[in-house]
Amino acid sequence: MLAILGGTLTLVGTSTNLIVNSLVLDANLPSLGFFDFTLVGLCLVFVCGATLCFFSYLLPDKAVHTDTAESYFIDAKINPGSSLVGKTVEQNGLRHLQSLFLVEIIRGKQLLRAISPTEVLQENDKLIFSGDISQVSQLNMFDGLSIFAENSGLSIDNLREVVVRPESILTGKTLKSVGFRSLFDSRCGSR
């Protein structure tokens, strides 16, 4: 609000000032100067600013909702001694989960993307799944898999939400059928 009020201080500060100047020019009067609005603008800034400060307690206090990585991903850790250790992703049945997809494995400081069905799982691997997070209970059936869906601390620096427009060539097709991951070198999650 104060930025809008500050815009009233100069000729080009707001579109309203430019319209007033065009009306002055249409009346065959000389153009207004850059700072001709400053005196009136300062009065407006002080009066409206004081009013805002005085009545600000009446404004509603609404929390801003922000998306976090937990809205998109579920992560789980393979505990030492788990029956998953030493077997491939395919052998463990992690390729055909309903509404969940294994997108990454974090192994120590190494990040493995585009997971192959033949990838052998190791102790302390962190498995990152995307998909319907309400289906997290599926992961409970795996022995030695600890799930950290609620307080994972995932980095969302490289997370991008994409909206597919109705007229897109992607409409009505699965991401797998159009090769989305390979085309855009990305991993896919859904909400």
C-alpha atoms as a PDB file:
ATOM      1  CA  MET A   1       0.000   0.000   0.000  1.00  0.00           C
ATOM      2  CA  LEU A   2       2.792   2.416   0.879  1.00  0.00           C
ATOM      3  CA  ALA A   3       4.476   1.671  -2.463  1.00  0.00           C
ATOM      4  CA  ILE A   4       1.321   2.790  -4.253  1.00  0.00           C
ATOM      5  CA  LEU A   5       1.180   5.931  -2.147  1.00  0.00           C
ATOM      6  CA  GLY A   6       4.851   6.599  -2.866  1.00  0.00           C
ATOM      7  CA  GLY A   7       4.058   6.416  -6.571  1.00  0.00           C
ATOM      8  CA  THR A   8       1.904   9.535  -6.242  1.00  0.00           C
ATOM      9  CA  LEU A   9       5.006  11.662  -5.666  1.00  0.00           C
ATOM     10  CA  THR A  10       6.122  11.918  -9.323  1.00  0.00           C
ATOM     11  CA  LEU A  11       4.621  12.222 -12.785  1.00  0.00           C
ATOM     12  CA  VAL A  12       5.516   8.648 -13.764  1.00  0.00           C
ATOM     13  CA  GLY A  13       4.848   7.146 -10.324  1.00  0.00           C
ATOM     14  CA  THR A  14       1.313   6.035 -11.138  1.00  0.00           C
ATOM     15  CA  SER A  15      -0.761   5.614 -14.258  1.00  0.00           C
ATOM     16  CA  THR A  16      -3.305   8.064 -12.808  1.00  0.00           C
ATOM     17  CA  ASN A  17      -0.715  10.843 -12.841  1.00  0.00           C
ATOM     18  CA  LEU A  18       0.075  10.082 -16.486  1.00  0.00           C
ATOM     19  CA  ILE A  19      -3.634  10.199 -17.365  1.00  0.00           C
ATOM     20  CA  VAL A  20      -3.968  13.578 -15.634  1.00  0.00           C
ATOM     21  CA  ASN A  21      -0.992  14.824 -17.641  1.00  0.00           C
ATOM     22  CA  SER A  22      -2.569  13.582 -20.898  1.00  0.00           C
ATOM     23  CA  LEU A  23      -5.790  15.459 -20.023  1.00  0.00           C
ATOM     24  CA  VAL A  24      -3.714  18.612 -19.424  1.00  0.00           C
ATOM     25  CA  LEU A  25      -2.062  18.162 -22.830  1.00  0.00           C
ATOM     26  CA  ASP A  26      -5.494  17.599 -24.484  1.00  0.00           C
ATOM     27  CA  ALA A  27      -6.601  20.943 -23.046  1.00  0.00           C
ATOM     28  CA  ASN A  28      -3.655  22.590 -24.908  1.00  0.00           C
ATOM     29  CA  LEU A  29      -1.866  23.415 -21.637  1.00  0.00           C
ATOM     30  CA  PRO A  30       1.859  22.871 -21.044  1.00  0.00           C
ATOM     31  CA  SER A  31       2.887  19.406 -19.837  1.00  0.00           C
ATOM     32  CA  LEU A  32       3.195  18.858 -16.108  1.00  0.00           C
ATOM     33  CA  GLY A  33       6.715  18.557 -14.679  1.00  0.00           C
ATOM     34  CA  PHE A  34       8.203  15.419 -13.166  1.00  0.00           C
ATOM     35  CA  PHE A  35       7.845  16.675  -9.553  1.00  0.00           C
ATOM     36  CA  ASP A  36       4.595  18.676  -9.942  1.00  0.00           C
ATOM     37  CA  PHE A  37       2.726  15.985  -8.001  1.00  0.00           C
ATOM     38  CA  THR A  38       5.198  15.870  -5.086  1.00  0.00           C
ATOM     39  CA  LEU A  39       3.508  18.353  -2.733  1.00  0.00           C
ATOM     40  CA  VAL A  40       0.063  16.763  -3.109  1.00  0.00           C
ATOM     41  CA  GLY A  41       1.647  13.282  -3.044  1.00  0.00           C
ATOM     42  CA  LEU A  42       3.504  13.984   0.236  1.00  0.00           C
ATOM     43  CA  CYS A  43       0.260  15.093   1.904  1.00  0.00           C
ATOM     44  CA  LEU A  44      -1.421  11.917   0.652  1.00  0.00           C
ATOM     45  CA  VAL A  45       1.457   9.713   1.854  1.00  0.00           C
ATOM     46  CA  PHE A  46       1.458  11.201   5.369  1.00  0.00           C
ATOM     47  CA  VAL A  47      -2.329  11.206   5.847  1.00  0.00           C
ATOM     48  CA  CYS A  48      -2.869   7.694   4.444  1.00  0.00           C
ATOM     49  CA  GLY A  49       0.274   6.320   6.125  1.00  0.00           C
ATOM     50  CA  ALA A  50      -0.851   7.636   9.533  1.00  0.00           C
ATOM     51  CA  THR A  51      -4.345   6.217   8.953  1.00  0.00           C
ATOM     52  CA  LEU A  52      -2.881   2.814   8.083  1.00  0.00           C
ATOM     53  CA  CYS A  53      -0.665   2.793  11.164  1.00  0.00           C
ATOM     54  CA  PHE A  54      -3.506   3.864  13.443  1.00  0.00           C
ATOM     55  CA  PHE A  55      -6.032   1.314  12.125  1.00  0.00           C
ATOM     56  CA  SER A  56      -3.641  -1.545  11.295  1.00  0.00           C
ATOM     57  CA  TYR A  57      -4.783  -3.512  14.342  1.00  0.00           C
ATOM     58  CA  LEU A  58      -8.182  -3.907  12.623  1.00  0.00           C
ATOM     59  CA  LEU A  59      -6.680  -5.744   9.659  1.00  0.00           C
ATOM     60  CA  PRO A  60      -7.051  -9.548   9.729  1.00  0.00           C
ATOM     61  CA  ASP A  61      -3.978 -11.574  10.606  1.00  0.00           C
ATOM     62  CA  LYS A  62      -3.920 -14.308   7.958  1.00  0.00           C
ATOM     63  CA  ALA A  63      -1.144 -16.838   7.731  1.00  0.00           C
ATOM     64  CA  VAL A  64       0.434 -17.310   4.325  1.00  0.00           C
ATOM     65  CA  HIS A  65       0.210 -20.891   3.027  1.00  0.00           C
ATOM     66  CA  THR A  66       3.364 -22.132   1.327  1.00  0.00           C
ATOM     67  CA  ASP A  67       3.950 -25.478  -0.321  1.00  0.00           C
ATOM     68  CA  THR A  68       6.706 -27.614   1.065  1.00  0.00           C
ATOM     69  CA  ALA A  69       8.519 -30.621  -0.268  1.00  0.00           C
ATOM     70  CA  GLU A  70       6.374 -32.849   1.940  1.00  0.00           C
ATOM     71  CA  SER A  71       3.423 -32.015  -0.333  1.00  0.00           C
ATOM     72  CA  TYR A  72       5.234 -33.732  -3.169  1.00  0.00           C
ATOM     73  CA  PHE A  73       7.624 -36.313  -1.793  1.00  0.00           C
ATOM     74  CA  ILE A  74       7.881 -39.090   0.751  1.00  0.00           C
ATOM     75  CA  ASP A  75      11.277 -40.196   1.923  1.00  0.00           C
ATOM     76  CA  ALA A  76      12.226 -43.413   3.638  1.00  0.00           C
ATOM     77  CA  LYS A  77      15.494 -44.844   4.934  1.00  0.00           C
ATOM     78  CA  ILE A  78      16.633 -48.451   4.675  1.00  0.00           C
ATOM     79  CA  ASN A  79      17.643 -49.557   8.150  1.00  0.00           C
ATOM     80  CA  PRO A  80      20.675 -51.805   8.726  1.00  0.00           C
ATOM     81  CA  GLY A  81      19.639 -55.462   8.630  1.00  0.00           C
ATOM     82  CA  SER A  82      16.611 -54.793   6.419  1.00  0.00           C
ATOM     83  CA  SER A  83      15.534 -57.542   4.044  1.00  0.00           C
ATOM     84  CA  LEU A  84      15.669 -54.927   1.251  1.00  0.00           C
ATOM     85  CA  VAL A  85      19.487 -54.718   1.434  1.00  0.00           C
ATOM     86  CA  GLY A  86      21.359 -56.481  -1.348  1.00  0.00           C
ATOM     87  CA  LYS A  87      18.302 -56.854  -3.589  1.00  0.00           C
ATOM     88  CA  THR A  88      17.377 -54.802  -6.645  1.00  0.00           C
ATOM     89  CA  VAL A  89      14.566 -52.272  -6.762  1.00  0.00           C
ATOM     90  CA  GLU A  90      12.571 -54.721  -8.931  1.00  0.00           C
ATOM     91  CA  GLN A  91      13.167 -57.686  -6.613  1.00  0.00           C
ATOM     92  CA  ASN A  92      11.933 -55.655  -3.640  1.00  0.00           C
ATOM     93  CA  GLY A  93       8.724 -54.702  -5.480  1.00  0.00           C
ATOM     94  CA  LEU A  94       9.426 -50.978  -5.387  1.00  0.00           C
ATOM     95  CA  ARG A  95       8.736 -50.495  -9.124  1.00  0.00           C
ATOM     96  CA  HIS A  96       5.040 -51.304  -9.057  1.00  0.00           C
ATOM     97  CA  LEU A  97       3.634 -49.431  -6.075  1.00  0.00           C
ATOM     98  CA  GLN A  98       0.135 -48.037  -6.415  1.00  0.00           C
ATOM     99  CA  SER A  99       0.227 -44.202  -6.762  1.00  0.00           C
ATOM    100  CA  LEU A 100       3.886 -43.986  -5.640  1.00  0.00           C
ATOM    101  CA  PHE A 101       7.039 -43.851  -7.759  1.00  0.00           C
ATOM    102  CA  LEU A 102      10.666 -44.187  -6.648  1.00  0.00           C
ATOM    103  CA  VAL A 103      12.385 -41.114  -8.123  1.00  0.00           C
ATOM    104  CA  GLU A 104      15.712 -40.868  -6.284  1.00  0.00           C
ATOM    105  CA  ILE A 105      18.050 -42.682  -3.993  1.00  0.00           C
ATOM    106  CA  ILE A 106      20.401 -40.716  -1.769  1.00  0.00           C
ATOM    107  CA  ARG A 107      23.378 -42.881  -0.894  1.00  0.00           C
ATOM    108  CA  GLY A 108      25.697 -41.000   1.430  1.00  0.00           C
ATOM    109  CA  LYS A 109      26.580 -37.840  -0.483  1.00  0.00           C
ATOM    110  CA  GLN A 110      25.670 -39.387  -3.839  1.00  0.00           C
ATOM    111  CA  LEU A 111      22.308 -38.680  -5.505  1.00  0.00           C
ATOM    112  CA  LEU A 112      21.021 -41.378  -7.856  1.00  0.00           C
ATOM    113  CA  ARG A 113      18.327 -40.220 -10.300  1.00  0.00           C
ATOM    114  CA  ALA A 114      16.300 -42.132 -12.907  1.00  0.00           C
ATOM    115  CA  ILE A 115      16.488 -45.301 -10.850  1.00  0.00           C
ATOM    116  CA  SER A 116      17.005 -48.494 -12.829  1.00  0.00           C
ATOM    117  CA  PRO A 117      15.024 -51.616 -11.856  1.00  0.00           C
ATOM    118  CA  THR A 118      18.398 -53.353 -11.454  1.00  0.00           C
ATOM    119  CA  GLU A 119      19.729 -50.846  -8.877  1.00  0.00           C
ATOM    120  CA  VAL A 120      20.839 -52.789  -5.783  1.00  0.00           C
ATOM    121  CA  LEU A 121      19.749 -51.222  -2.500  1.00  0.00           C
ATOM    122  CA  GLN A 122      22.183 -50.708   0.372  1.00  0.00           C
ATOM    123  CA  GLU A 123      21.936 -50.019   4.099  1.00  0.00           C
ATOM    124  CA  ASN A 124      21.140 -46.397   4.976  1.00  0.00           C
ATOM    125  CA  ASP A 125      19.947 -45.585   1.433  1.00  0.00           C
ATOM    126  CA  LYS A 126      17.389 -42.807   1.535  1.00  0.00           C
ATOM    127  CA  LEU A 127      14.575 -43.561  -0.929  1.00  0.00           C
ATOM    128  CA  ILE A 128      12.576 -40.616  -2.320  1.00  0.00           C
ATOM    129  CA  PHE A 129       9.091 -41.420  -3.607  1.00  0.00           C
ATOM    130  CA  SER A 130       6.700 -39.119  -5.449  1.00  0.00           C
ATOM    131  CA  GLY A 131       2.995 -39.457  -5.915  1.00  0.00           C
ATOM    132  CA  ASP A 132      -0.039 -39.578  -3.701  1.00  0.00           C
ATOM    133  CA  ILE A 133       1.308 -39.068  -0.181  1.00  0.00           C
ATOM    134  CA  SER A 134      -1.896 -40.513   1.229  1.00  0.00           C
ATOM    135  CA  GLN A 135      -0.604 -43.882  -0.020  1.00  0.00           C
ATOM    136  CA  VAL A 136       2.365 -43.823   2.388  1.00  0.00           C
ATOM    137  CA  SER A 137       0.927 -46.830   4.224  1.00  0.00           C
ATOM    138  CA  GLN A 138       2.090 -49.011   1.297  1.00  0.00           C
ATOM    139  CA  LEU A 139       5.659 -48.451   2.426  1.00  0.00           C
ATOM    140  CA  ASN A 140       4.907 -49.899   5.870  1.00  0.00           C
ATOM    141  CA  MET A 141       4.765 -53.398   4.345  1.00  0.00           C
ATOM    142  CA  PHE A 142       8.523 -53.323   3.635  1.00  0.00           C
ATOM    143  CA  ASP A 143      10.746 -54.724   6.382  1.00  0.00           C
ATOM    144  CA  GLY A 144      13.329 -52.289   7.738  1.00  0.00           C
ATOM    145  CA  LEU A 145      12.068 -49.175   5.956  1.00  0.00           C
ATOM    146  CA  SER A 146      11.745 -46.065   8.164  1.00  0.00           C
ATOM    147  CA  ILE A 147       9.423 -43.398   6.781  1.00  0.00           C
ATOM    148  CA  PHE A 148      10.048 -39.708   7.391  1.00  0.00           C
ATOM    149  CA  ALA A 149       7.089 -38.184   5.531  1.00  0.00           C
ATOM    150  CA  GLU A 150       6.219 -35.524   8.081  1.00  0.00           C
ATOM    151  CA  ASN A 151       9.585 -34.026   9.036  1.00  0.00           C
ATOM    152  CA  SER A 152      11.939 -34.903   6.212  1.00  0.00           C
ATOM    153  CA  GLY A 153      13.680 -31.547   5.761  1.00  0.00           C
ATOM    154  CA  LEU A 154      13.888 -32.121   2.000  1.00  0.00           C
ATOM    155  CA  SER A 155      15.460 -29.361  -0.035  1.00  0.00           C
ATOM    156  CA  ILE A 156      12.975 -27.739  -2.398  1.00  0.00           C
ATOM    157  CA  ASP A 157      15.561 -25.634  -4.243  1.00  0.00           C
ATOM    158  CA  ASN A 158      15.173 -27.673  -7.422  1.00  0.00           C
ATOM    159  CA  LEU A 159      11.431 -28.336  -7.077  1.00  0.00           C
ATOM    160  CA  ARG A 160       9.181 -26.870  -9.768  1.00  0.00           C
ATOM    161  CA  GLU A 161       5.437 -27.209 -10.049  1.00  0.00           C
ATOM    162  CA  VAL A 162       4.184 -27.460 -13.607  1.00  0.00           C
ATOM    163  CA  VAL A 163       0.608 -26.852 -14.687  1.00  0.00           C
ATOM    164  CA  VAL A 164      -0.505 -28.590 -17.880  1.00  0.00           C
ATOM    165  CA  ARG A 165      -2.899 -26.429 -19.881  1.00  0.00           C
ATOM    166  CA  PRO A 166      -6.033 -28.073 -21.313  1.00  0.00           C
ATOM    167  CA  GLU A 167      -4.861 -27.538 -24.904  1.00  0.00           C
ATOM    168  CA  SER A 168      -1.418 -29.078 -24.256  1.00  0.00           C
ATOM    169  CA  ILE A 169      -0.271 -32.153 -26.193  1.00  0.00           C
ATOM    170  CA  LEU A 170       0.284 -33.746 -22.779  1.00  0.00           C
ATOM    171  CA  THR A 171      -3.420 -33.639 -21.912  1.00  0.00           C
ATOM    172  CA  GLY A 172      -4.903 -37.111 -21.584  1.00  0.00           C
ATOM    173  CA  LYS A 173      -1.518 -38.853 -21.689  1.00  0.00           C
ATOM    174  CA  THR A 174       0.628 -40.277 -18.929  1.00  0.00           C
ATOM    175  CA  LEU A 175       3.981 -38.691 -18.228  1.00  0.00           C
ATOM    176  CA  LYS A 176       5.606 -42.028 -18.935  1.00  0.00           C
ATOM    177  CA  SER A 177       3.990 -42.338 -22.395  1.00  0.00           C
ATOM    178  CA  VAL A 178       5.329 -38.941 -23.524  1.00  0.00           C
ATOM    179  CA  GLY A 179       8.784 -39.548 -22.032  1.00  0.00           C
ATOM    180  CA  PHE A 180       8.549 -36.492 -19.789  1.00  0.00           C
ATOM    181  CA  ARG A 181      11.461 -37.494 -17.545  1.00  0.00           C
ATOM    182  CA  SER A 182      13.899 -37.995 -20.409  1.00  0.00           C
ATOM    183  CA  LEU A 183      12.689 -34.972 -22.402  1.00  0.00           C
ATOM    184  CA  PHE A 184      13.063 -32.525 -19.550  1.00  0.00           C
ATOM    185  CA  ASP A 185      15.720 -34.312 -17.454  1.00  0.00           C
ATOM    186  CA  SER A 186      13.394 -34.213 -14.490  1.00  0.00           C
ATOM    187  CA  ARG A 187      11.585 -36.286 -11.945  1.00  0.00           C
ATOM    188  CA  CYS A 188       7.825 -36.122 -11.659  1.00  0.00           C
ATOM    189  CA  GLY A 189       5.587 -35.883  -8.650  1.00  0.00           C
ATOM    190  CA  SER A 190       1.873 -35.366  -8.355  1.00  0.00           C
ATOM    191  CA  ARG A 191      -0.387 -33.795  -5.771  1.00  0.00           C
END
